[in-house]
Amino acid sequence: MSDSQGSAIAVVGSLNIDYFSKVQSLPSPGETVSSSRLELFRGGKGANQAISASRQGAKVFLFGCVGDDEEGRSYCEALAGEGIDISFVKKTSA
């Protein structure tokens, strides 16, 4: 895993999608509260480290797993757009 530009970095770690919902107050036990907004953020220590290393100019290979769904595919596209080699990111339906 190296190229003509020098060493490469292999990152093994998590790739997560975090869901954030804004509510006016935290629910009491048994209470349901509604939200007016849902936001999704890509994260995970592995993905964050891979992006950081790639932005510093390193050739990065990411090893991890995402769901075989639209969010997983979108996440992989975003990582590839950061210049990260995602050929070792497994897509799974389980």
PDB file of N, CA and C in Angstrom:
ATOM      1  N   MET A   1       0.806  -1.184   0.000  1.00  0.00           N
ATOM      2  CA  MET A   1       0.000   0.000   0.000  1.00  0.00           C
ATOM      3  C   MET A   1       0.855   1.256   0.000  1.00  0.00           C
ATOM      4  N   SER A   2       1.566   1.432  -1.035  1.00  0.00           N
ATOM      5  CA  SER A   2       2.311   2.681  -1.177  1.00  0.00           C
ATOM      6  C   SER A   2       2.287   3.075  -2.636  1.00  0.00           C
ATOM      7  N   ASP A   3       2.642   4.302  -2.879  1.00  0.00           N
ATOM      8  CA  ASP A   3       2.662   4.770  -4.246  1.00  0.00           C
ATOM      9  C   ASP A   3       3.945   5.543  -4.467  1.00  0.00           C
ATOM     10  N   SER A   4       4.084   6.130  -5.618  1.00  0.00           N
ATOM     11  CA  SER A   4       5.318   6.832  -5.949  1.00  0.00           C
ATOM     12  C   SER A   4       5.510   8.093  -5.117  1.00  0.00           C
ATOM     13  N   GLN A   5       4.477   8.553  -4.430  1.00  0.00           N
ATOM     14  CA  GLN A   5       4.579   9.765  -3.632  1.00  0.00           C
ATOM     15  C   GLN A   5       5.006   9.486  -2.198  1.00  0.00           C
ATOM     16  N   GLY A   6       5.181   8.230  -1.811  1.00  0.00           N
ATOM     17  CA  GLY A   6       5.609   7.922  -0.461  1.00  0.00           C
ATOM     18  C   GLY A   6       4.706   6.921   0.208  1.00  0.00           C
ATOM     19  N   SER A   7       4.706   6.947   1.515  1.00  0.00           N
ATOM     20  CA  SER A   7       3.950   5.987   2.317  1.00  0.00           C
ATOM     21  C   SER A   7       2.452   6.216   2.228  1.00  0.00           C
ATOM     22  N   ALA A   8       1.749   5.152   2.511  1.00  0.00           N
ATOM     23  CA  ALA A   8       0.294   5.222   2.571  1.00  0.00           C
ATOM     24  C   ALA A   8      -0.139   4.923   3.998  1.00  0.00           C
ATOM     25  N   ILE A   9      -1.328   5.332   4.327  1.00  0.00           N
ATOM     26  CA  ILE A   9      -1.879   5.110   5.656  1.00  0.00           C
ATOM     27  C   ILE A   9      -3.097   4.214   5.535  1.00  0.00           C
ATOM     28  N   ALA A  10      -3.139   3.181   6.373  1.00  0.00           N
ATOM     29  CA  ALA A  10      -4.321   2.324   6.472  1.00  0.00           C
ATOM     30  C   ALA A  10      -5.042   2.680   7.757  1.00  0.00           C
ATOM     31  N   VAL A  11      -6.313   3.003   7.639  1.00  0.00           N
ATOM     32  CA  VAL A  11      -7.131   3.326   8.806  1.00  0.00           C
ATOM     33  C   VAL A  11      -8.182   2.234   8.956  1.00  0.00           C
ATOM     34  N   VAL A  12      -8.231   1.634  10.150  1.00  0.00           N
ATOM     35  CA  VAL A  12      -9.242   0.636  10.471  1.00  0.00           C
ATOM     36  C   VAL A  12     -10.131   1.242  11.546  1.00  0.00           C
ATOM     37  N   GLY A  13     -11.393   1.418  11.238  1.00  0.00           N
ATOM     38  CA  GLY A  13     -12.250   2.038  12.245  1.00  0.00           C
ATOM     39  C   GLY A  13     -13.685   2.163  11.823  1.00  0.00           C
ATOM     40  N   SER A  14     -14.427   2.851  12.659  1.00  0.00           N
ATOM     41  CA  SER A  14     -15.873   2.948  12.481  1.00  0.00           C
ATOM     42  C   SER A  14     -16.274   4.054  11.513  1.00  0.00           C
ATOM     43  N   LEU A  15     -17.397   3.830  10.883  1.00  0.00           N
ATOM     44  CA  LEU A  15     -18.053   4.812  10.025  1.00  0.00           C
ATOM     45  C   LEU A  15     -19.497   4.879  10.517  1.00  0.00           C
ATOM     46  N   ASN A  16     -19.896   6.007  11.053  1.00  0.00           N
ATOM     47  CA  ASN A  16     -21.220   6.142  11.647  1.00  0.00           C
ATOM     48  C   ASN A  16     -22.006   7.263  10.989  1.00  0.00           C
ATOM     49  N   ILE A  17     -23.304   7.125  11.049  1.00  0.00           N
ATOM     50  CA  ILE A  17     -24.191   8.229  10.698  1.00  0.00           C
ATOM     51  C   ILE A  17     -24.965   8.556  11.960  1.00  0.00           C
ATOM     52  N   ASP A  18     -24.802   9.773  12.436  1.00  0.00           N
ATOM     53  CA  ASP A  18     -25.460  10.224  13.651  1.00  0.00           C
ATOM     54  C   ASP A  18     -26.728  10.982  13.293  1.00  0.00           C
ATOM     55  N   TYR A  19     -27.787  10.707  14.022  1.00  0.00           N
ATOM     56  CA  TYR A  19     -29.070  11.371  13.830  1.00  0.00           C
ATOM     57  C   TYR A  19     -29.299  12.329  14.995  1.00  0.00           C
ATOM     58  N   PHE A  20     -29.542  13.583  14.677  1.00  0.00           N
ATOM     59  CA  PHE A  20     -29.807  14.592  15.690  1.00  0.00           C
ATOM     60  C   PHE A  20     -31.199  15.160  15.453  1.00  0.00           C
ATOM     61  N   SER A  21     -31.955  15.222  16.523  1.00  0.00           N
ATOM     62  CA  SER A  21     -33.293  15.775  16.460  1.00  0.00           C
ATOM     63  C   SER A  21     -33.408  16.851  17.523  1.00  0.00           C
ATOM     64  N   LYS A  22     -33.864  18.007  17.129  1.00  0.00           N
ATOM     65  CA  LYS A  22     -34.001  19.120  18.066  1.00  0.00           C
ATOM     66  C   LYS A  22     -35.406  19.100  18.656  1.00  0.00           C
ATOM     67  N   VAL A  23     -35.463  19.130  19.992  1.00  0.00           N
ATOM     68  CA  VAL A  23     -36.744  19.164  20.691  1.00  0.00           C
ATOM     69  C   VAL A  23     -36.743  20.340  21.663  1.00  0.00           C
ATOM     70  N   GLN A  24     -37.929  20.787  22.015  1.00  0.00           N
ATOM     71  CA  GLN A  24     -38.054  21.915  22.943  1.00  0.00           C
ATOM     72  C   GLN A  24     -37.639  21.533  24.360  1.00  0.00           C
ATOM     73  N   SER A  25     -37.920  20.294  24.759  1.00  0.00           N
ATOM     74  CA  SER A  25     -37.544  19.826  26.091  1.00  0.00           C
ATOM     75  C   SER A  25     -37.371  18.316  26.052  1.00  0.00           C
ATOM     76  N   LEU A  26     -36.606  17.790  26.996  1.00  0.00           N
ATOM     77  CA  LEU A  26     -36.431  16.349  27.083  1.00  0.00           C
ATOM     78  C   LEU A  26     -37.722  15.720  27.589  1.00  0.00           C
ATOM     79  N   PRO A  27     -38.062  14.544  27.076  1.00  0.00           N
ATOM     80  CA  PRO A  27     -39.323  13.920  27.508  1.00  0.00           C
ATOM     81  C   PRO A  27     -39.216  13.363  28.925  1.00  0.00           C
ATOM     82  N   SER A  28     -40.325  13.421  29.615  1.00  0.00           N
ATOM     83  CA  SER A  28     -40.455  12.749  30.906  1.00  0.00           C
ATOM     84  C   SER A  28     -40.728  11.274  30.631  1.00  0.00           C
ATOM     85  N   PRO A  29     -40.543  10.408  31.620  1.00  0.00           N
ATOM     86  CA  PRO A  29     -40.837   8.982  31.401  1.00  0.00           C
ATOM     87  C   PRO A  29     -42.251   8.788  30.855  1.00  0.00           C
ATOM     88  N   GLY A  30     -42.360   8.078  29.738  1.00  0.00           N
ATOM     89  CA  GLY A  30     -43.648   7.802  29.116  1.00  0.00           C
ATOM     90  C   GLY A  30     -44.180   8.894  28.213  1.00  0.00           C
ATOM     91  N   GLU A  31     -43.505  10.039  28.177  1.00  0.00           N
ATOM     92  CA  GLU A  31     -43.965  11.167  27.357  1.00  0.00           C
ATOM     93  C   GLU A  31     -43.342  11.091  25.967  1.00  0.00           C
ATOM     94  N   THR A  32     -44.098  11.506  24.987  1.00  0.00           N
ATOM     95  CA  THR A  32     -43.598  11.622  23.622  1.00  0.00           C
ATOM     96  C   THR A  32     -43.481  13.099  23.281  1.00  0.00           C
ATOM     97  N   VAL A  33     -42.365  13.485  22.734  1.00  0.00           N
ATOM     98  CA  VAL A  33     -42.197  14.864  22.274  1.00  0.00           C
ATOM     99  C   VAL A  33     -41.936  14.836  20.784  1.00  0.00           C
ATOM    100  N   SER A  34     -42.393  15.861  20.105  1.00  0.00           N
ATOM    101  CA  SER A  34     -42.175  15.919  18.660  1.00  0.00           C
ATOM    102  C   SER A  34     -41.005  16.850  18.349  1.00  0.00           C
ATOM    103  N   SER A  35     -40.501  16.660  17.160  1.00  0.00           N
ATOM    104  CA  SER A  35     -39.359  17.451  16.703  1.00  0.00           C
ATOM    105  C   SER A  35     -39.691  18.074  15.371  1.00  0.00           C
ATOM    106  N   SER A  36     -39.171  19.249  15.155  1.00  0.00           N
ATOM    107  CA  SER A  36     -39.403  19.919  13.878  1.00  0.00           C
ATOM    108  C   SER A  36     -38.251  19.724  12.903  1.00  0.00           C
ATOM    109  N   ARG A  37     -37.160  19.119  13.394  1.00  0.00           N
ATOM    110  CA  ARG A  37     -35.989  18.999  12.519  1.00  0.00           C
ATOM    111  C   ARG A  37     -35.190  17.743  12.854  1.00  0.00           C
ATOM    112  N   LEU A  38     -34.742  17.043  11.807  1.00  0.00           N
ATOM    113  CA  LEU A  38     -33.869  15.891  11.936  1.00  0.00           C
ATOM    114  C   LEU A  38     -32.648  16.147  11.069  1.00  0.00           C
ATOM    115  N   GLU A  39     -31.468  16.017  11.655  1.00  0.00           N
ATOM    116  CA  GLU A  39     -30.230  16.225  10.913  1.00  0.00           C
ATOM    117  C   GLU A  39     -29.376  14.969  10.977  1.00  0.00           C
ATOM    118  N   LEU A  40     -28.702  14.675   9.882  1.00  0.00           N
ATOM    119  CA  LEU A  40     -27.793  13.541   9.807  1.00  0.00           C
ATOM    120  C   LEU A  40     -26.384  14.055   9.615  1.00  0.00           C
ATOM    121  N   PHE A  41     -25.447  13.464  10.354  1.00  0.00           N
ATOM    122  CA  PHE A  41     -24.037  13.829  10.250  1.00  0.00           C
ATOM    123  C   PHE A  41     -23.210  12.564  10.096  1.00  0.00           C
ATOM    124  N   ARG A  42     -22.249  12.606   9.205  1.00  0.00           N
ATOM    125  CA  ARG A  42     -21.334  11.481   9.043  1.00  0.00           C
ATOM    126  C   ARG A  42     -20.226  11.612  10.077  1.00  0.00           C
ATOM    127  N   GLY A  43     -19.845  10.486  10.647  1.00  0.00           N
ATOM    128  CA  GLY A  43     -18.789  10.505  11.654  1.00  0.00           C
ATOM    129  C   GLY A  43     -18.180   9.137  11.818  1.00  0.00           C
ATOM    130  N   GLY A  44     -17.672   8.888  12.998  1.00  0.00           N
ATOM    131  CA  GLY A  44     -16.958   7.657  13.301  1.00  0.00           C
ATOM    132  C   GLY A  44     -15.480   7.951  13.362  1.00  0.00           C
ATOM    133  N   LYS A  45     -14.808   7.410  14.373  1.00  0.00           N
ATOM    134  CA  LYS A  45     -13.387   7.717  14.553  1.00  0.00           C
ATOM    135  C   LYS A  45     -12.555   7.324  13.343  1.00  0.00           C
ATOM    136  N   GLY A  46     -12.859   6.176  12.738  1.00  0.00           N
ATOM    137  CA  GLY A  46     -12.086   5.743  11.579  1.00  0.00           C
ATOM    138  C   GLY A  46     -12.241   6.688  10.405  1.00  0.00           C
ATOM    139  N   ALA A  47     -13.485   7.013  10.086  1.00  0.00           N
ATOM    140  CA  ALA A  47     -13.741   7.909   8.957  1.00  0.00           C
ATOM    141  C   ALA A  47     -13.153   9.288   9.213  1.00  0.00           C
ATOM    142  N   ASN A  48     -13.309   9.793  10.440  1.00  0.00           N
ATOM    143  CA  ASN A  48     -12.762  11.113  10.763  1.00  0.00           C
ATOM    144  C   ASN A  48     -11.249  11.144  10.615  1.00  0.00           C
ATOM    145  N   GLN A  49     -10.573  10.093  11.082  1.00  0.00           N
ATOM    146  CA  GLN A  49      -9.116  10.032  10.955  1.00  0.00           C
ATOM    147  C   GLN A  49      -8.693   9.924   9.493  1.00  0.00           C
ATOM    148  N   ALA A  50      -9.439   9.123   8.724  1.00  0.00           N
ATOM    149  CA  ALA A  50      -9.116   8.968   7.307  1.00  0.00           C
ATOM    150  C   ALA A  50      -9.250  10.300   6.568  1.00  0.00           C
ATOM    151  N   ILE A  51     -10.314  11.024   6.832  1.00  0.00           N
ATOM    152  CA  ILE A  51     -10.519  12.321   6.183  1.00  0.00           C
ATOM    153  C   ILE A  51      -9.412  13.287   6.570  1.00  0.00           C
ATOM    154  N   SER A  52      -9.077  13.323   7.835  1.00  0.00           N
ATOM    155  CA  SER A  52      -8.026  14.225   8.299  1.00  0.00           C
ATOM    156  C   SER A  52      -6.692  13.917   7.629  1.00  0.00           C
ATOM    157  N   ALA A  53      -6.334  12.646   7.566  1.00  0.00           N
ATOM    158  CA  ALA A  53      -5.062  12.262   6.944  1.00  0.00           C
ATOM    159  C   ALA A  53      -5.061  12.581   5.452  1.00  0.00           C
ATOM    160  N   SER A  54      -6.187  12.323   4.787  1.00  0.00           N
ATOM    161  CA  SER A  54      -6.280  12.604   3.361  1.00  0.00           C
ATOM    162  C   SER A  54      -6.150  14.104   3.081  1.00  0.00           C
ATOM    163  N   ARG A  55      -6.769  14.913   3.930  1.00  0.00           N
ATOM    164  CA  ARG A  55      -6.689  16.363   3.745  1.00  0.00           C
ATOM    165  C   ARG A  55      -5.277  16.895   3.991  1.00  0.00           C
ATOM    166  N   GLN A  56      -4.467  16.123   4.680  1.00  0.00           N
ATOM    167  CA  GLN A  56      -3.066  16.502   4.900  1.00  0.00           C
ATOM    168  C   GLN A  56      -2.170  16.002   3.765  1.00  0.00           C
ATOM    169  N   GLY A  57      -2.766  15.343   2.784  1.00  0.00           N
ATOM    170  CA  GLY A  57      -2.016  14.920   1.605  1.00  0.00           C
ATOM    171  C   GLY A  57      -1.600  13.463   1.583  1.00  0.00           C
ATOM    172  N   ALA A  58      -1.989  12.678   2.580  1.00  0.00           N
ATOM    173  CA  ALA A  58      -1.616  11.266   2.618  1.00  0.00           C
ATOM    174  C   ALA A  58      -2.512  10.438   1.702  1.00  0.00           C
ATOM    175  N   LYS A  59      -1.971   9.338   1.199  1.00  0.00           N
ATOM    176  CA  LYS A  59      -2.763   8.344   0.482  1.00  0.00           C
ATOM    177  C   LYS A  59      -3.367   7.450   1.550  1.00  0.00           C
ATOM    178  N   VAL A  60      -4.706   7.405   1.623  1.00  0.00           N
ATOM    179  CA  VAL A  60      -5.386   6.716   2.712  1.00  0.00           C
ATOM    180  C   VAL A  60      -6.243   5.572   2.185  1.00  0.00           C
ATOM    181  N   PHE A  61      -6.101   4.422   2.849  1.00  0.00           N
ATOM    182  CA  PHE A  61      -6.939   3.252   2.602  1.00  0.00           C
ATOM    183  C   PHE A  61      -7.783   3.053   3.844  1.00  0.00           C
ATOM    184  N   LEU A  62      -9.106   3.032   3.699  1.00  0.00           N
ATOM    185  CA  LEU A  62      -9.997   2.897   4.841  1.00  0.00           C
ATOM    186  C   LEU A  62     -10.579   1.491   4.874  1.00  0.00           C
ATOM    187  N   PHE A  63     -10.495   0.866   6.043  1.00  0.00           N
ATOM    188  CA  PHE A  63     -11.065  -0.446   6.289  1.00  0.00           C
ATOM    189  C   PHE A  63     -12.217  -0.269   7.274  1.00  0.00           C
ATOM    190  N   GLY A  64     -13.408  -0.656   6.882  1.00  0.00           N
ATOM    191  CA  GLY A  64     -14.559  -0.509   7.752  1.00  0.00           C
ATOM    192  C   GLY A  64     -15.780  -1.131   7.106  1.00  0.00           C
ATOM    193  N   CYS A  65     -16.933  -0.770   7.611  1.00  0.00           N
ATOM    194  CA  CYS A  65     -18.173  -1.365   7.134  1.00  0.00           C
ATOM    195  C   CYS A  65     -19.293  -0.328   7.161  1.00  0.00           C
ATOM    196  N   VAL A  66     -20.119  -0.349   6.135  1.00  0.00           N
ATOM    197  CA  VAL A  66     -21.314   0.498   6.072  1.00  0.00           C
ATOM    198  C   VAL A  66     -22.491  -0.360   5.640  1.00  0.00           C
ATOM    199  N   GLY A  67     -23.669   0.149   5.850  1.00  0.00           N
ATOM    200  CA  GLY A  67     -24.860  -0.547   5.388  1.00  0.00           C
ATOM    201  C   GLY A  67     -24.978  -0.490   3.875  1.00  0.00           C
ATOM    202  N   ASP A  68     -25.555  -1.538   3.304  1.00  0.00           N
ATOM    203  CA  ASP A  68     -25.764  -1.581   1.859  1.00  0.00           C
ATOM    204  C   ASP A  68     -27.108  -0.919   1.546  1.00  0.00           C
ATOM    205  N   ASP A  69     -27.140   0.393   1.792  1.00  0.00           N
ATOM    206  CA  ASP A  69     -28.345   1.180   1.557  1.00  0.00           C
ATOM    207  C   ASP A  69     -27.929   2.543   1.014  1.00  0.00           C
ATOM    208  N   GLU A  70     -28.903   3.403   0.800  1.00  0.00           N
ATOM    209  CA  GLU A  70     -28.612   4.713   0.214  1.00  0.00           C
ATOM    210  C   GLU A  70     -27.654   5.518   1.086  1.00  0.00           C
ATOM    211  N   GLU A  71     -27.833   5.475   2.399  1.00  0.00           N
ATOM    212  CA  GLU A  71     -26.943   6.234   3.282  1.00  0.00           C
ATOM    213  C   GLU A  71     -25.517   5.698   3.231  1.00  0.00           C
ATOM    214  N   GLY A  72     -25.367   4.373   3.200  1.00  0.00           N
ATOM    215  CA  GLY A  72     -24.031   3.779   3.104  1.00  0.00           C
ATOM    216  C   GLY A  72     -23.358   4.129   1.791  1.00  0.00           C
ATOM    217  N   ARG A  73     -24.113   4.071   0.705  1.00  0.00           N
ATOM    218  CA  ARG A  73     -23.545   4.427  -0.599  1.00  0.00           C
ATOM    219  C   ARG A  73     -23.166   5.901  -0.646  1.00  0.00           C
ATOM    220  N   SER A  74     -24.018   6.750  -0.098  1.00  0.00           N
ATOM    221  CA  SER A  74     -23.730   8.179  -0.067  1.00  0.00           C
ATOM    222  C   SER A  74     -22.485   8.466   0.769  1.00  0.00           C
ATOM    223  N   TYR A  75     -22.353   7.751   1.885  1.00  0.00           N
ATOM    224  CA  TYR A  75     -21.179   7.926   2.746  1.00  0.00           C
ATOM    225  C   TYR A  75     -19.910   7.554   1.972  1.00  0.00           C
ATOM    226  N   CYS A  76     -19.951   6.426   1.269  1.00  0.00           N
ATOM    227  CA  CYS A  76     -18.781   5.996   0.492  1.00  0.00           C
ATOM    228  C   CYS A  76     -18.439   7.005  -0.604  1.00  0.00           C
ATOM    229  N   GLU A  77     -19.439   7.549  -1.252  1.00  0.00           N
ATOM    230  CA  GLU A  77     -19.194   8.565  -2.277  1.00  0.00           C
ATOM    231  C   GLU A  77     -18.515   9.792  -1.675  1.00  0.00           C
ATOM    232  N   ALA A  78     -18.963  10.201  -0.493  1.00  0.00           N
ATOM    233  CA  ALA A  78     -18.357  11.355   0.168  1.00  0.00           C
ATOM    234  C   ALA A  78     -16.904  11.073   0.546  1.00  0.00           C
ATOM    235  N   LEU A  79     -16.627   9.866   1.027  1.00  0.00           N
ATOM    236  CA  LEU A  79     -15.254   9.501   1.384  1.00  0.00           C
ATOM    237  C   LEU A  79     -14.365   9.451   0.145  1.00  0.00           C
ATOM    238  N   ALA A  80     -14.870   8.879  -0.924  1.00  0.00           N
ATOM    239  CA  ALA A  80     -14.105   8.836  -2.170  1.00  0.00           C
ATOM    240  C   ALA A  80     -13.846  10.254  -2.675  1.00  0.00           C
ATOM    241  N   GLY A  81     -14.815  11.138  -2.484  1.00  0.00           N
ATOM    242  CA  GLY A  81     -14.645  12.530  -2.868  1.00  0.00           C
ATOM    243  C   GLY A  81     -13.558  13.228  -2.073  1.00  0.00           C
ATOM    244  N   GLU A  82     -13.243  12.690  -0.900  1.00  0.00           N
ATOM    245  CA  GLU A  82     -12.145  13.215  -0.080  1.00  0.00           C
ATOM    246  C   GLU A  82     -10.801  12.618  -0.488  1.00  0.00           C
ATOM    247  N   GLY A  83     -10.820  11.755  -1.511  1.00  0.00           N
ATOM    248  CA  GLY A  83      -9.576  11.141  -1.977  1.00  0.00           C
ATOM    249  C   GLY A  83      -9.188   9.876  -1.237  1.00  0.00           C
ATOM    250  N   ILE A  84     -10.123   9.301  -0.506  1.00  0.00           N
ATOM    251  CA  ILE A  84      -9.857   8.095   0.287  1.00  0.00           C
ATOM    252  C   ILE A  84     -10.179   6.859  -0.539  1.00  0.00           C
ATOM    253  N   ASP A  85      -9.278   5.879  -0.503  1.00  0.00           N
ATOM    254  CA  ASP A  85      -9.515   4.611  -1.184  1.00  0.00           C
ATOM    255  C   ASP A  85     -10.481   3.805  -0.328  1.00  0.00           C
ATOM    256  N   ILE A  86     -11.678   3.569  -0.838  1.00  0.00           N
ATOM    257  CA  ILE A  86     -12.719   2.865  -0.083  1.00  0.00           C
ATOM    258  C   ILE A  86     -12.898   1.430  -0.548  1.00  0.00           C
ATOM    259  N   SER A  87     -11.959   0.903  -1.304  1.00  0.00           N
ATOM    260  CA  SER A  87     -12.117  -0.463  -1.830  1.00  0.00           C
ATOM    261  C   SER A  87     -12.134  -1.518  -0.734  1.00  0.00           C
ATOM    262  N   PHE A  88     -11.723  -1.165   0.483  1.00  0.00           N
ATOM    263  CA  PHE A  88     -11.742  -2.104   1.607  1.00  0.00           C
ATOM    264  C   PHE A  88     -12.896  -1.820   2.575  1.00  0.00           C
ATOM    265  N   VAL A  89     -13.817  -0.951   2.189  1.00  0.00           N
ATOM    266  CA  VAL A  89     -15.000  -0.695   3.004  1.00  0.00           C
ATOM    267  C   VAL A  89     -16.069  -1.693   2.560  1.00  0.00           C
ATOM    268  N   LYS A  90     -16.471  -2.556   3.484  1.00  0.00           N
ATOM    269  CA  LYS A  90     -17.457  -3.582   3.188  1.00  0.00           C
ATOM    270  C   LYS A  90     -18.867  -3.012   3.311  1.00  0.00           C
ATOM    271  N   LYS A  91     -19.720  -3.394   2.368  1.00  0.00           N
ATOM    272  CA  LYS A  91     -21.133  -3.016   2.424  1.00  0.00           C
ATOM    273  C   LYS A  91     -21.919  -4.250   2.839  1.00  0.00           C
ATOM    274  N   THR A  92     -22.737  -4.108   3.870  1.00  0.00           N
ATOM    275  CA  THR A  92     -23.464  -5.256   4.381  1.00  0.00           C
ATOM    276  C   THR A  92     -24.929  -4.912   4.636  1.00  0.00           C
ATOM    277  N   SER A  93     -25.792  -5.913   4.518  1.00  0.00           N
ATOM    278  CA  SER A  93     -27.205  -5.710   4.805  1.00  0.00           C
ATOM    279  C   SER A  93     -27.553  -6.227   6.200  1.00  0.00           C
ATOM    280  N   ALA A  94     -26.595  -6.794   6.884  1.00  0.00           N
ATOM    281  CA  ALA A  94     -26.859  -7.347   8.235  1.00  0.00           C
ATOM    282  C   ALA A  94     -26.474  -6.366   9.313  1.00  0.00           C
TER     283      ALA A  94
END
